[in-house]
Amino acid sequence: MFVRKKRNRAGTISVVVIDKGSGKYKEIKNFGVVSTEREADVLCTRARKWISRHDGQLVLDLGCDKIKEQELYETQQIFSNIQSVLMNAPQLLLNPIYDDIGFDRIPDKTLRQLVIAHICQR
């Protein structure tokens, strides 16, 4: 069994418990029709509780919530340690080529930037 949230043509949301044990979808219990996502989430919570009481199937706690919390914490730590982001990849790639061609003998930094920008836009 599982909970199904379905949008209707009228713009409302139906929340039902569905079973597909025999290969076909079978509506087991209708929990109602609502007009907002928040109300639909409340009905989905009720439907999940109903399934846990009436299904006879045990829910395993594999500790996924703890793993997700740990991953979120580590990700936030990594992002908080980033002080700046440099967007100079074109310069890193094209400056050596610019110098190898011999354009570095022209003492104009603006020309270098214009040439690199032109290449990047092509």
PDB file of N, CA and C in Angstrom:
ATOM      1  N   MET A   1       0.836  -1.182   0.000  1.00  0.00           N
ATOM      2  CA  MET A   1       0.000   0.000   0.000  1.00  0.00           C
ATOM      3  C   MET A   1       0.878   1.242   0.000  1.00  0.00           C
ATOM      4  N   PHE A   2       0.359   2.283  -0.618  1.00  0.00           N
ATOM      5  CA  PHE A   2       1.066   3.556  -0.625  1.00  0.00           C
ATOM      6  C   PHE A   2       0.072   4.695  -0.743  1.00  0.00           C
ATOM      7  N   VAL A   3       0.534   5.895  -0.406  1.00  0.00           N
ATOM      8  CA  VAL A   3      -0.299   7.095  -0.448  1.00  0.00           C
ATOM      9  C   VAL A   3      -0.132   7.749  -1.809  1.00  0.00           C
ATOM     10  N   ARG A   4      -1.270   8.164  -2.371  1.00  0.00           N
ATOM     11  CA  ARG A   4      -1.233   8.812  -3.684  1.00  0.00           C
ATOM     12  C   ARG A   4      -1.895  10.177  -3.582  1.00  0.00           C
ATOM     13  N   LYS A   5      -1.140  11.207  -4.005  1.00  0.00           N
ATOM     14  CA  LYS A   5      -1.674  12.566  -4.103  1.00  0.00           C
ATOM     15  C   LYS A   5      -1.910  12.830  -5.583  1.00  0.00           C
ATOM     16  N   LYS A   6      -3.164  13.098  -5.927  1.00  0.00           N
ATOM     17  CA  LYS A   6      -3.481  13.282  -7.342  1.00  0.00           C
ATOM     18  C   LYS A   6      -4.199  14.611  -7.545  1.00  0.00           C
ATOM     19  N   ARG A   7      -3.704  15.386  -8.515  1.00  0.00           N
ATOM     20  CA  ARG A   7      -4.375  16.642  -8.871  1.00  0.00           C
ATOM     21  C   ARG A   7      -5.575  16.338  -9.753  1.00  0.00           C
ATOM     22  N   ASN A   8      -6.691  16.944  -9.419  1.00  0.00           N
ATOM     23  CA  ASN A   8      -7.918  16.767 -10.192  1.00  0.00           C
ATOM     24  C   ASN A   8      -8.066  17.891 -11.206  1.00  0.00           C
ATOM     25  N   ARG A   9      -8.970  17.712 -12.153  1.00  0.00           N
ATOM     26  CA  ARG A   9      -9.188  18.735 -13.181  1.00  0.00           C
ATOM     27  C   ARG A   9      -9.653  20.056 -12.587  1.00  0.00           C
ATOM     28  N   ALA A  10     -10.365  19.976 -11.482  1.00  0.00           N
ATOM     29  CA  ALA A  10     -10.901  21.189 -10.852  1.00  0.00           C
ATOM     30  C   ALA A  10      -9.834  21.961 -10.084  1.00  0.00           C
ATOM     31  N   GLY A  11      -8.609  21.420 -10.014  1.00  0.00           N
ATOM     32  CA  GLY A  11      -7.538  22.094  -9.303  1.00  0.00           C
ATOM     33  C   GLY A  11      -7.395  21.640  -7.866  1.00  0.00           C
ATOM     34  N   THR A  12      -8.226  20.705  -7.450  1.00  0.00           N
ATOM     35  CA  THR A  12      -8.137  20.173  -6.097  1.00  0.00           C
ATOM     36  C   THR A  12      -7.184  18.990  -6.069  1.00  0.00           C
ATOM     37  N   ILE A  13      -6.879  18.525  -4.854  1.00  0.00           N
ATOM     38  CA  ILE A  13      -5.951  17.413  -4.680  1.00  0.00           C
ATOM     39  C   ILE A  13      -6.649  16.311  -3.910  1.00  0.00           C
ATOM     40  N   SER A  14      -6.649  15.114  -4.457  1.00  0.00           N
ATOM     41  CA  SER A  14      -7.221  13.951  -3.779  1.00  0.00           C
ATOM     42  C   SER A  14      -6.106  13.160  -3.123  1.00  0.00           C
ATOM     43  N   VAL A  15      -6.357  12.678  -1.909  1.00  0.00           N
ATOM     44  CA  VAL A  15      -5.392  11.848  -1.195  1.00  0.00           C
ATOM     45  C   VAL A  15      -6.052  10.513  -0.916  1.00  0.00           C
ATOM     46  N   VAL A  16      -5.483   9.445  -1.471  1.00  0.00           N
ATOM     47  CA  VAL A  16      -6.041   8.109  -1.303  1.00  0.00           C
ATOM     48  C   VAL A  16      -4.926   7.114  -1.001  1.00  0.00           C
ATOM     49  N   VAL A  17      -5.310   6.010  -0.386  1.00  0.00           N
ATOM     50  CA  VAL A  17      -4.387   4.903  -0.165  1.00  0.00           C
ATOM     51  C   VAL A  17      -4.649   3.892  -1.261  1.00  0.00           C
ATOM     52  N   ILE A  18      -3.591   3.493  -1.955  1.00  0.00           N
ATOM     53  CA  ILE A  18      -3.680   2.599  -3.105  1.00  0.00           C
ATOM     54  C   ILE A  18      -2.954   1.298  -2.780  1.00  0.00           C
ATOM     55  N   ASP A  19      -3.495   0.199  -3.308  1.00  0.00           N
ATOM     56  CA  ASP A  19      -2.830  -1.096  -3.199  1.00  0.00           C
ATOM     57  C   ASP A  19      -2.645  -1.647  -4.602  1.00  0.00           C
ATOM     58  N   LYS A  20      -1.474  -2.202  -4.856  1.00  0.00           N
ATOM     59  CA  LYS A  20      -1.200  -2.797  -6.157  1.00  0.00           C
ATOM     60  C   LYS A  20      -0.727  -4.233  -5.953  1.00  0.00           C
ATOM     61  N   GLY A  21      -1.319  -4.896  -4.992  1.00  0.00           N
ATOM     62  CA  GLY A  21      -0.913  -6.255  -4.665  1.00  0.00           C
ATOM     63  C   GLY A  21      -1.240  -7.259  -5.751  1.00  0.00           C
ATOM     64  N   SER A  22      -2.328  -7.072  -6.454  1.00  0.00           N
ATOM     65  CA  SER A  22      -2.738  -8.038  -7.477  1.00  0.00           C
ATOM     66  C   SER A  22      -2.332  -7.610  -8.876  1.00  0.00           C
ATOM     67  N   GLY A  23      -1.486  -6.584  -8.986  1.00  0.00           N
ATOM     68  CA  GLY A  23      -1.038  -6.127 -10.295  1.00  0.00           C
ATOM     69  C   GLY A  23      -1.866  -4.978 -10.833  1.00  0.00           C
ATOM     70  N   LYS A  24      -3.007  -4.703 -10.218  1.00  0.00           N
ATOM     71  CA  LYS A  24      -3.857  -3.595 -10.632  1.00  0.00           C
ATOM     72  C   LYS A  24      -3.989  -2.627  -9.463  1.00  0.00           C
ATOM     73  N   TYR A  25      -4.121  -1.358  -9.783  1.00  0.00           N
ATOM     74  CA  TYR A  25      -4.315  -0.362  -8.747  1.00  0.00           C
ATOM     75  C   TYR A  25      -5.716  -0.498  -8.168  1.00  0.00           C
ATOM     76  N   LYS A  26      -5.790  -0.545  -6.841  1.00  0.00           N
ATOM     77  CA  LYS A  26      -7.065  -0.653  -6.158  1.00  0.00           C
ATOM     78  C   LYS A  26      -7.104   0.382  -5.045  1.00  0.00           C
ATOM     79  N   GLU A  27      -8.115   1.244  -5.074  1.00  0.00           N
ATOM     80  CA  GLU A  27      -8.249   2.261  -4.047  1.00  0.00           C
ATOM     81  C   GLU A  27      -8.780   1.611  -2.775  1.00  0.00           C
ATOM     82  N   ILE A  28      -8.000   1.718  -1.704  1.00  0.00           N
ATOM     83  CA  ILE A  28      -8.366   1.104  -0.436  1.00  0.00           C
ATOM     84  C   ILE A  28      -9.164   2.066   0.431  1.00  0.00           C
ATOM     85  N   LYS A  29      -8.669   3.299   0.572  1.00  0.00           N
ATOM     86  CA  LYS A  29      -9.349   4.283   1.417  1.00  0.00           C
ATOM     87  C   LYS A  29      -9.109   5.675   0.870  1.00  0.00           C
ATOM     88  N   ASN A  30     -10.179   6.461   0.808  1.00  0.00           N
ATOM     89  CA  ASN A  30     -10.101   7.840   0.357  1.00  0.00           C
ATOM     90  C   ASN A  30     -10.023   8.733   1.591  1.00  0.00           C
ATOM     91  N   PHE A  31      -9.016   9.591   1.646  1.00  0.00           N
ATOM     92  CA  PHE A  31      -8.852  10.462   2.798  1.00  0.00           C
ATOM     93  C   PHE A  31      -9.391  11.864   2.561  1.00  0.00           C
ATOM     94  N   GLY A  32      -9.834  12.156   1.368  1.00  0.00           N
ATOM     95  CA  GLY A  32     -10.476  13.431   1.122  1.00  0.00           C
ATOM     96  C   GLY A  32      -9.888  14.203  -0.040  1.00  0.00           C
ATOM     97  N   VAL A  33     -10.553  15.332  -0.300  1.00  0.00           N
ATOM     98  CA  VAL A  33     -10.151  16.234  -1.377  1.00  0.00           C
ATOM     99  C   VAL A  33      -9.919  17.602  -0.750  1.00  0.00           C
ATOM    100  N   VAL A  34      -8.768  18.189  -1.046  1.00  0.00           N
ATOM    101  CA  VAL A  34      -8.407  19.490  -0.477  1.00  0.00           C
ATOM    102  C   VAL A  34      -7.976  20.430  -1.594  1.00  0.00           C
ATOM    103  N   SER A  35      -7.823  21.700  -1.217  1.00  0.00           N
ATOM    104  CA  SER A  35      -7.487  22.682  -2.246  1.00  0.00           C
ATOM    105  C   SER A  35      -6.056  23.193  -2.171  1.00  0.00           C
ATOM    106  N   THR A  36      -5.336  22.959  -1.050  1.00  0.00           N
ATOM    107  CA  THR A  36      -3.967  23.466  -0.943  1.00  0.00           C
ATOM    108  C   THR A  36      -2.990  22.325  -0.672  1.00  0.00           C
ATOM    109  N   GLU A  37      -1.720  22.581  -0.976  1.00  0.00           N
ATOM    110  CA  GLU A  37      -0.663  21.579  -0.748  1.00  0.00           C
ATOM    111  C   GLU A  37      -0.496  21.290   0.741  1.00  0.00           C
ATOM    112  N   ARG A  38      -0.620  22.322   1.558  1.00  0.00           N
ATOM    113  CA  ARG A  38      -0.459  22.148   3.008  1.00  0.00           C
ATOM    114  C   ARG A  38      -1.522  21.189   3.555  1.00  0.00           C
ATOM    115  N   GLU A  39      -2.770  21.386   3.125  1.00  0.00           N
ATOM    116  CA  GLU A  39      -3.839  20.482   3.561  1.00  0.00           C
ATOM    117  C   GLU A  39      -3.601  19.068   3.046  1.00  0.00           C
ATOM    118  N   ALA A  40      -3.081  18.965   1.822  1.00  0.00           N
ATOM    119  CA  ALA A  40      -2.792  17.651   1.244  1.00  0.00           C
ATOM    120  C   ALA A  40      -1.703  16.942   2.037  1.00  0.00           C
ATOM    121  N   ASP A  41      -0.696  17.685   2.495  1.00  0.00           N
ATOM    122  CA  ASP A  41       0.367  17.081   3.303  1.00  0.00           C
ATOM    123  C   ASP A  41      -0.172  16.546   4.622  1.00  0.00           C
ATOM    124  N   VAL A  42      -1.125  17.266   5.217  1.00  0.00           N
ATOM    125  CA  VAL A  42      -1.744  16.796   6.461  1.00  0.00           C
ATOM    126  C   VAL A  42      -2.475  15.489   6.211  1.00  0.00           C
ATOM    127  N   LEU A  43      -3.230  15.429   5.106  1.00  0.00           N
ATOM    128  CA  LEU A  43      -3.955  14.197   4.777  1.00  0.00           C
ATOM    129  C   LEU A  43      -2.992  13.054   4.467  1.00  0.00           C
ATOM    130  N   CYS A  44      -1.874  13.356   3.819  1.00  0.00           N
ATOM    131  CA  CYS A  44      -0.881  12.314   3.522  1.00  0.00           C
ATOM    132  C   CYS A  44      -0.305  11.736   4.809  1.00  0.00           C
ATOM    133  N   THR A  45      -0.068  12.598   5.791  1.00  0.00           N
ATOM    134  CA  THR A  45       0.434  12.121   7.080  1.00  0.00           C
ATOM    135  C   THR A  45      -0.578  11.202   7.733  1.00  0.00           C
ATOM    136  N   ARG A  46      -1.849  11.597   7.706  1.00  0.00           N
ATOM    137  CA  ARG A  46      -2.911  10.727   8.247  1.00  0.00           C
ATOM    138  C   ARG A  46      -2.958   9.397   7.501  1.00  0.00           C
ATOM    139  N   ALA A  47      -2.826   9.450   6.192  1.00  0.00           N
ATOM    140  CA  ALA A  47      -2.895   8.231   5.384  1.00  0.00           C
ATOM    141  C   ALA A  47      -1.724   7.301   5.704  1.00  0.00           C
ATOM    142  N   ARG A  48      -0.534   7.843   5.884  1.00  0.00           N
ATOM    143  CA  ARG A  48       0.622   7.008   6.230  1.00  0.00           C
ATOM    144  C   ARG A  48       0.438   6.348   7.593  1.00  0.00           C
ATOM    145  N   LYS A  49      -0.111   7.111   8.551  1.00  0.00           N
ATOM    146  CA  LYS A  49      -0.387   6.532   9.866  1.00  0.00           C
ATOM    147  C   LYS A  49      -1.422   5.416   9.746  1.00  0.00           C
ATOM    148  N   TRP A  50      -2.439   5.636   8.920  1.00  0.00           N
ATOM    149  CA  TRP A  50      -3.467   4.616   8.722  1.00  0.00           C
ATOM    150  C   TRP A  50      -2.854   3.353   8.125  1.00  0.00           C
ATOM    151  N   ILE A  51      -1.961   3.525   7.156  1.00  0.00           N
ATOM    152  CA  ILE A  51      -1.302   2.366   6.541  1.00  0.00           C
ATOM    153  C   ILE A  51      -0.491   1.606   7.583  1.00  0.00           C
ATOM    154  N   SER A  52       0.247   2.333   8.424  1.00  0.00           N
ATOM    155  CA  SER A  52       1.083   1.653   9.417  1.00  0.00           C
ATOM    156  C   SER A  52       0.243   0.867  10.415  1.00  0.00           C
ATOM    157  N   ARG A  53      -0.990   1.315  10.697  1.00  0.00           N
ATOM    158  CA  ARG A  53      -1.862   0.581  11.626  1.00  0.00           C
ATOM    159  C   ARG A  53      -2.595  -0.569  10.963  1.00  0.00           C
ATOM    160  N   HIS A  54      -2.977  -0.424   9.701  1.00  0.00           N
ATOM    161  CA  HIS A  54      -3.845  -1.408   9.056  1.00  0.00           C
ATOM    162  C   HIS A  54      -3.148  -2.349   8.090  1.00  0.00           C
ATOM    163  N   ASP A  55      -1.951  -2.055   7.735  1.00  0.00           N
ATOM    164  CA  ASP A  55      -1.264  -2.855   6.721  1.00  0.00           C
ATOM    165  C   ASP A  55      -0.681  -4.133   7.304  1.00  0.00           C
ATOM    166  N   GLY A  56      -0.235  -4.086   8.554  1.00  0.00           N
ATOM    167  CA  GLY A  56       0.402  -5.255   9.143  1.00  0.00           C
ATOM    168  C   GLY A  56       1.854  -5.389   8.729  1.00  0.00           C
ATOM    169  N   GLN A  57       2.366  -4.432   7.994  1.00  0.00           N
ATOM    170  CA  GLN A  57       3.743  -4.460   7.537  1.00  0.00           C
ATOM    171  C   GLN A  57       4.580  -3.566   8.443  1.00  0.00           C
ATOM    172  N   LEU A  58       5.691  -4.082   8.901  1.00  0.00           N
ATOM    173  CA  LEU A  58       6.552  -3.327   9.793  1.00  0.00           C
ATOM    174  C   LEU A  58       7.382  -2.321   9.010  1.00  0.00           C
ATOM    175  N   VAL A  59       7.635  -1.195   9.635  1.00  0.00           N
ATOM    176  CA  VAL A  59       8.483  -0.174   9.036  1.00  0.00           C
ATOM    177  C   VAL A  59       9.858  -0.295   9.663  1.00  0.00           C
ATOM    178  N   LEU A  60      10.881  -0.471   8.830  1.00  0.00           N
ATOM    179  CA  LEU A  60      12.245  -0.603   9.317  1.00  0.00           C
ATOM    180  C   LEU A  60      12.894   0.758   9.445  1.00  0.00           C
ATOM    181  N   ASP A  61      13.561   0.988  10.542  1.00  0.00           N
ATOM    182  CA  ASP A  61      14.322   2.208  10.728  1.00  0.00           C
ATOM    183  C   ASP A  61      15.779   1.896  10.417  1.00  0.00           C
ATOM    184  N   LEU A  62      16.240   2.329   9.266  1.00  0.00           N
ATOM    185  CA  LEU A  62      17.604   2.043   8.833  1.00  0.00           C
ATOM    186  C   LEU A  62      18.571   3.166   9.192  1.00  0.00           C
ATOM    187  N   GLY A  63      18.093   4.118   9.950  1.00  0.00           N
ATOM    188  CA  GLY A  63      18.965   5.215  10.358  1.00  0.00           C
ATOM    189  C   GLY A  63      19.222   6.218   9.255  1.00  0.00           C
ATOM    190  N   CYS A  64      18.364   6.270   8.246  1.00  0.00           N
ATOM    191  CA  CYS A  64      18.579   7.171   7.113  1.00  0.00           C
ATOM    192  C   CYS A  64      18.522   8.631   7.536  1.00  0.00           C
ATOM    193  N   ASP A  65      17.673   8.940   8.517  1.00  0.00           N
ATOM    194  CA  ASP A  65      17.575  10.330   8.962  1.00  0.00           C
ATOM    195  C   ASP A  65      18.887  10.797   9.576  1.00  0.00           C
ATOM    196  N   LYS A  66      19.542   9.929  10.324  1.00  0.00           N
ATOM    197  CA  LYS A  66      20.821  10.298  10.936  1.00  0.00           C
ATOM    198  C   LYS A  66      21.883  10.501   9.872  1.00  0.00           C
ATOM    199  N   ILE A  67      21.874   9.662   8.843  1.00  0.00           N
ATOM    200  CA  ILE A  67      22.846   9.786   7.751  1.00  0.00           C
ATOM    201  C   ILE A  67      22.623  11.099   7.000  1.00  0.00           C
ATOM    202  N   LYS A  68      21.352  11.425   6.723  1.00  0.00           N
ATOM    203  CA  LYS A  68      21.044  12.667   6.019  1.00  0.00           C
ATOM    204  C   LYS A  68      21.468  13.883   6.837  1.00  0.00           C
ATOM    205  N   GLU A  69      21.218  13.841   8.144  1.00  0.00           N
ATOM    206  CA  GLU A  69      21.626  14.950   8.996  1.00  0.00           C
ATOM    207  C   GLU A  69      23.145  15.124   8.987  1.00  0.00           C
ATOM    208  N   GLN A  70      23.881  14.000   9.024  1.00  0.00           N
ATOM    209  CA  GLN A  70      25.345  14.058   9.013  1.00  0.00           C
ATOM    210  C   GLN A  70      25.851  14.624   7.687  1.00  0.00           C
ATOM    211  N   GLU A  71      25.257  14.182   6.560  1.00  0.00           N
ATOM    212  CA  GLU A  71      25.666  14.684   5.254  1.00  0.00           C
ATOM    213  C   GLU A  71      25.373  16.178   5.127  1.00  0.00           C
ATOM    214  N   LEU A  72      24.225  16.607   5.622  1.00  0.00           N
ATOM    215  CA  LEU A  72      23.876  18.023   5.572  1.00  0.00           C
ATOM    216  C   LEU A  72      24.856  18.845   6.402  1.00  0.00           C
ATOM    217  N   TYR A  73      25.201  18.353   7.578  1.00  0.00           N
ATOM    218  CA  TYR A  73      26.149  19.055   8.439  1.00  0.00           C
ATOM    219  C   TYR A  73      27.515  19.176   7.755  1.00  0.00           C
ATOM    220  N   GLU A  74      28.003  18.070   7.167  1.00  0.00           N
ATOM    221  CA  GLU A  74      29.300  18.098   6.491  1.00  0.00           C
ATOM    222  C   GLU A  74      29.289  19.036   5.291  1.00  0.00           C
ATOM    223  N   THR A  75      28.189  19.047   4.546  1.00  0.00           N
ATOM    224  CA  THR A  75      28.083  19.934   3.387  1.00  0.00           C
ATOM    225  C   THR A  75      28.107  21.391   3.823  1.00  0.00           C
ATOM    226  N   GLN A  76      27.384  21.699   4.894  1.00  0.00           N
ATOM    227  CA  GLN A  76      27.392  23.072   5.391  1.00  0.00           C
ATOM    228  C   GLN A  76      28.782  23.477   5.877  1.00  0.00           C
ATOM    229  N   GLN A  77      29.511  22.556   6.488  1.00  0.00           N
ATOM    230  CA  GLN A  77      30.874  22.844   6.938  1.00  0.00           C
ATOM    231  C   GLN A  77      31.778  23.159   5.757  1.00  0.00           C
ATOM    232  N   ILE A  78      31.661  22.360   4.698  1.00  0.00           N
ATOM    233  CA  ILE A  78      32.494  22.578   3.510  1.00  0.00           C
ATOM    234  C   ILE A  78      32.190  23.940   2.885  1.00  0.00           C
ATOM    235  N   PHE A  79      30.899  24.259   2.723  1.00  0.00           N
ATOM    236  CA  PHE A  79      30.532  25.531   2.109  1.00  0.00           C
ATOM    237  C   PHE A  79      30.919  26.719   2.989  1.00  0.00           C
ATOM    238  N   SER A  80      30.884  26.557   4.293  1.00  0.00           N
ATOM    239  CA  SER A  80      31.266  27.673   5.162  1.00  0.00           C
ATOM    240  C   SER A  80      32.768  27.942   5.103  1.00  0.00           C
ATOM    241  N   ASN A  81      33.563  26.937   4.702  1.00  0.00           N
ATOM    242  CA  ASN A  81      35.004  27.126   4.612  1.00  0.00           C
ATOM    243  C   ASN A  81      35.447  27.743   3.288  1.00  0.00           C
ATOM    244  N   ILE A  82      34.570  27.807   2.330  1.00  0.00           N
ATOM    245  CA  ILE A  82      34.909  28.424   1.042  1.00  0.00           C
ATOM    246  C   ILE A  82      34.862  29.926   1.220  1.00  0.00           C
ATOM    247  N   GLN A  83      35.985  30.567   0.977  1.00  0.00           N
ATOM    248  CA  GLN A  83      36.056  32.007   1.184  1.00  0.00           C
ATOM    249  C   GLN A  83      35.736  32.790  -0.089  1.00  0.00           C
ATOM    250  N   SER A  84      36.113  32.255  -1.220  1.00  0.00           N
ATOM    251  CA  SER A  84      35.807  32.944  -2.464  1.00  0.00           C
ATOM    252  C   SER A  84      35.848  31.939  -3.613  1.00  0.00           C
ATOM    253  N   VAL A  85      35.179  32.302  -4.666  1.00  0.00           N
ATOM    254  CA  VAL A  85      35.155  31.475  -5.862  1.00  0.00           C
ATOM    255  C   VAL A  85      35.796  32.281  -6.984  1.00  0.00           C
ATOM    256  N   LEU A  86      36.827  31.730  -7.580  1.00  0.00           N
ATOM    257  CA  LEU A  86      37.507  32.409  -8.674  1.00  0.00           C
ATOM    258  C   LEU A  86      36.985  31.867  -9.996  1.00  0.00           C
ATOM    259  N   MET A  87      36.644  32.780 -10.865  1.00  0.00           N
ATOM    260  CA  MET A  87      36.130  32.375 -12.169  1.00  0.00           C
ATOM    261  C   MET A  87      37.155  32.765 -13.226  1.00  0.00           C
ATOM    262  N   ASN A  88      38.373  32.240 -13.068  1.00  0.00           N
ATOM    263  CA  ASN A  88      39.441  32.621 -13.964  1.00  0.00           C
ATOM    264  C   ASN A  88      39.936  31.446 -14.809  1.00  0.00           C
ATOM    265  N   ALA A  89      39.113  30.470 -15.051  1.00  0.00           N
ATOM    266  CA  ALA A  89      39.525  29.316 -15.845  1.00  0.00           C
ATOM    267  C   ALA A  89      39.967  29.716 -17.252  1.00  0.00           C
ATOM    268  N   PRO A  90      39.262  30.623 -17.945  1.00  0.00           N
ATOM    269  CA  PRO A  90      39.736  31.001 -19.283  1.00  0.00           C
ATOM    270  C   PRO A  90      41.140  31.608 -19.259  1.00  0.00           C
ATOM    271  N   GLN A  91      41.417  32.438 -18.228  1.00  0.00           N
ATOM    272  CA  GLN A  91      42.754  33.023 -18.143  1.00  0.00           C
ATOM    273  C   GLN A  91      43.806  31.956 -17.884  1.00  0.00           C
ATOM    274  N   LEU A  92      43.489  31.011 -17.016  1.00  0.00           N
ATOM    275  CA  LEU A  92      44.451  29.949 -16.719  1.00  0.00           C
ATOM    276  C   LEU A  92      44.764  29.111 -17.953  1.00  0.00           C
ATOM    277  N   LEU A  93      43.778  28.909 -18.800  1.00  0.00           N
ATOM    278  CA  LEU A  93      43.983  28.100 -20.000  1.00  0.00           C
ATOM    279  C   LEU A  93      44.602  28.897 -21.148  1.00  0.00           C
ATOM    280  N   LEU A  94      44.155  30.133 -21.321  1.00  0.00           N
ATOM    281  CA  LEU A  94      44.535  30.880 -22.512  1.00  0.00           C
ATOM    282  C   LEU A  94      45.769  31.771 -22.337  1.00  0.00           C
ATOM    283  N   ASN A  95      46.130  32.126 -21.118  1.00  0.00           N
ATOM    284  CA  ASN A  95      47.328  32.960 -20.922  1.00  0.00           C
ATOM    285  C   ASN A  95      48.597  32.295 -21.455  1.00  0.00           C
ATOM    286  N   PRO A  96      48.827  30.989 -21.182  1.00  0.00           N
ATOM    287  CA  PRO A  96      50.036  30.373 -21.757  1.00  0.00           C
ATOM    288  C   PRO A  96      50.033  30.363 -23.283  1.00  0.00           C
ATOM    289  N   ILE A  97      48.878  30.172 -23.881  1.00  0.00           N
ATOM    290  CA  ILE A  97      48.793  30.182 -25.342  1.00  0.00           C
ATOM    291  C   ILE A  97      49.074  31.582 -25.870  1.00  0.00           C
ATOM    292  N   TYR A  98      48.502  32.575 -25.207  1.00  0.00           N
ATOM    293  CA  TYR A  98      48.730  33.980 -25.583  1.00  0.00           C
ATOM    294  C   TYR A  98      50.221  34.299 -25.543  1.00  0.00           C
ATOM    295  N   ASP A  99      50.901  33.794 -24.493  1.00  0.00           N
ATOM    296  CA  ASP A  99      52.334  34.044 -24.359  1.00  0.00           C
ATOM    297  C   ASP A  99      53.142  33.272 -25.405  1.00  0.00           C
ATOM    298  N   ASP A 100      52.745  32.018 -25.699  1.00  0.00           N
ATOM    299  CA  ASP A 100      53.465  31.210 -26.686  1.00  0.00           C
ATOM    300  C   ASP A 100      53.385  31.809 -28.080  1.00  0.00           C
ATOM    301  N   ILE A 101      52.270  32.430 -28.396  1.00  0.00           N
ATOM    302  CA  ILE A 101      52.129  33.061 -29.707  1.00  0.00           C
ATOM    303  C   ILE A 101      53.072  34.255 -29.830  1.00  0.00           C
ATOM    304  N   GLY A 102      53.365  34.874 -28.693  1.00  0.00           N
ATOM    305  CA  GLY A 102      54.268  36.021 -28.721  1.00  0.00           C
ATOM    306  C   GLY A 102      53.561  37.328 -28.458  1.00  0.00           C
ATOM    307  N   PHE A 103      52.272  37.278 -28.184  1.00  0.00           N
ATOM    308  CA  PHE A 103      51.534  38.506 -27.906  1.00  0.00           C
ATOM    309  C   PHE A 103      51.940  39.136 -26.575  1.00  0.00           C
ATOM    310  N   ASP A 104      52.631  38.379 -25.735  1.00  0.00           N
ATOM    311  CA  ASP A 104      53.035  38.932 -24.436  1.00  0.00           C
ATOM    312  C   ASP A 104      54.063  40.054 -24.594  1.00  0.00           C
ATOM    313  N   ARG A 105      54.674  40.180 -25.781  1.00  0.00           N
ATOM    314  CA  ARG A 105      55.645  41.250 -26.019  1.00  0.00           C
ATOM    315  C   ARG A 105      54.963  42.616 -26.162  1.00  0.00           C
ATOM    316  N   ILE A 106      53.642  42.576 -26.394  1.00  0.00           N
ATOM    317  CA  ILE A 106      52.893  43.841 -26.484  1.00  0.00           C
ATOM    318  C   ILE A 106      52.536  44.247 -25.051  1.00  0.00           C
ATOM    319  N   PRO A 107      53.017  45.370 -24.589  1.00  0.00           N
ATOM    320  CA  PRO A 107      52.823  45.754 -23.181  1.00  0.00           C
ATOM    321  C   PRO A 107      51.447  46.383 -22.919  1.00  0.00           C
ATOM    322  N   ASP A 108      50.392  45.654 -23.249  1.00  0.00           N
ATOM    323  CA  ASP A 108      49.039  46.198 -23.058  1.00  0.00           C
ATOM    324  C   ASP A 108      48.166  45.115 -22.425  1.00  0.00           C
ATOM    325  N   LYS A 109      47.854  45.293 -21.145  1.00  0.00           N
ATOM    326  CA  LYS A 109      47.050  44.287 -20.433  1.00  0.00           C
ATOM    327  C   LYS A 109      45.609  44.275 -20.935  1.00  0.00           C
ATOM    328  N   THR A 110      45.133  45.402 -21.415  1.00  0.00           N
ATOM    329  CA  THR A 110      43.767  45.475 -21.930  1.00  0.00           C
ATOM    330  C   THR A 110      43.624  44.617 -23.178  1.00  0.00           C
ATOM    331  N   LEU A 111      44.645  44.627 -24.034  1.00  0.00           N
ATOM    332  CA  LEU A 111      44.616  43.796 -25.238  1.00  0.00           C
ATOM    333  C   LEU A 111      44.520  42.323 -24.865  1.00  0.00           C
ATOM    334  N   ARG A 112      45.310  41.911 -23.868  1.00  0.00           N
ATOM    335  CA  ARG A 112      45.265  40.517 -23.422  1.00  0.00           C
ATOM    336  C   ARG A 112      43.840  40.141 -23.006  1.00  0.00           C
ATOM    337  N   GLN A 113      43.207  40.993 -22.187  1.00  0.00           N
ATOM    338  CA  GLN A 113      41.863  40.706 -21.707  1.00  0.00           C
ATOM    339  C   GLN A 113      40.847  40.676 -22.849  1.00  0.00           C
ATOM    340  N   LEU A 114      40.981  41.576 -23.801  1.00  0.00           N
ATOM    341  CA  LEU A 114      40.067  41.614 -24.941  1.00  0.00           C
ATOM    342  C   LEU A 114      40.208  40.378 -25.821  1.00  0.00           C
ATOM    343  N   VAL A 115      41.450  39.960 -26.056  1.00  0.00           N
ATOM    344  CA  VAL A 115      41.680  38.767 -26.878  1.00  0.00           C
ATOM    345  C   VAL A 115      41.081  37.532 -26.200  1.00  0.00           C
ATOM    346  N   ILE A 116      41.322  37.382 -24.911  1.00  0.00           N
ATOM    347  CA  ILE A 116      40.800  36.219 -24.179  1.00  0.00           C
ATOM    348  C   ILE A 116      39.278  36.256 -24.143  1.00  0.00           C
ATOM    349  N   ALA A 117      38.700  37.437 -23.911  1.00  0.00           N
ATOM    350  CA  ALA A 117      37.243  37.569 -23.888  1.00  0.00           C
ATOM    351  C   ALA A 117      36.654  37.233 -25.258  1.00  0.00           C
ATOM    352  N   HIS A 118      37.319  37.668 -26.326  1.00  0.00           N
ATOM    353  CA  HIS A 118      36.836  37.393 -27.681  1.00  0.00           C
ATOM    354  C   HIS A 118      36.846  35.885 -27.973  1.00  0.00           C
ATOM    355  N   ILE A 119      37.914  35.230 -27.563  1.00  0.00           N
ATOM    356  CA  ILE A 119      38.004  33.769 -27.766  1.00  0.00           C
ATOM    357  C   ILE A 119      36.907  33.047 -26.980  1.00  0.00           C
ATOM    358  N   CYS A 120      36.652  33.496 -25.766  1.00  0.00           N
ATOM    359  CA  CYS A 120      35.634  32.859 -24.928  1.00  0.00           C
ATOM    360  C   CYS A 120      34.233  33.051 -25.492  1.00  0.00           C
ATOM    361  N   GLN A 121      33.996  34.139 -26.193  1.00  0.00           N
ATOM    362  CA  GLN A 121      32.673  34.404 -26.735  1.00  0.00           C
ATOM    363  C   GLN A 121      32.414  33.666 -28.041  1.00  0.00           C
ATOM    364  N   ARG A 122      33.439  33.118 -28.652  1.00  0.00           N
ATOM    365  CA  ARG A 122      33.302  32.385 -29.916  1.00  0.00           C
ATOM    366  C   ARG A 122      32.853  31.006 -29.717  1.00  0.00           C
TER     367      ARG A 122
END
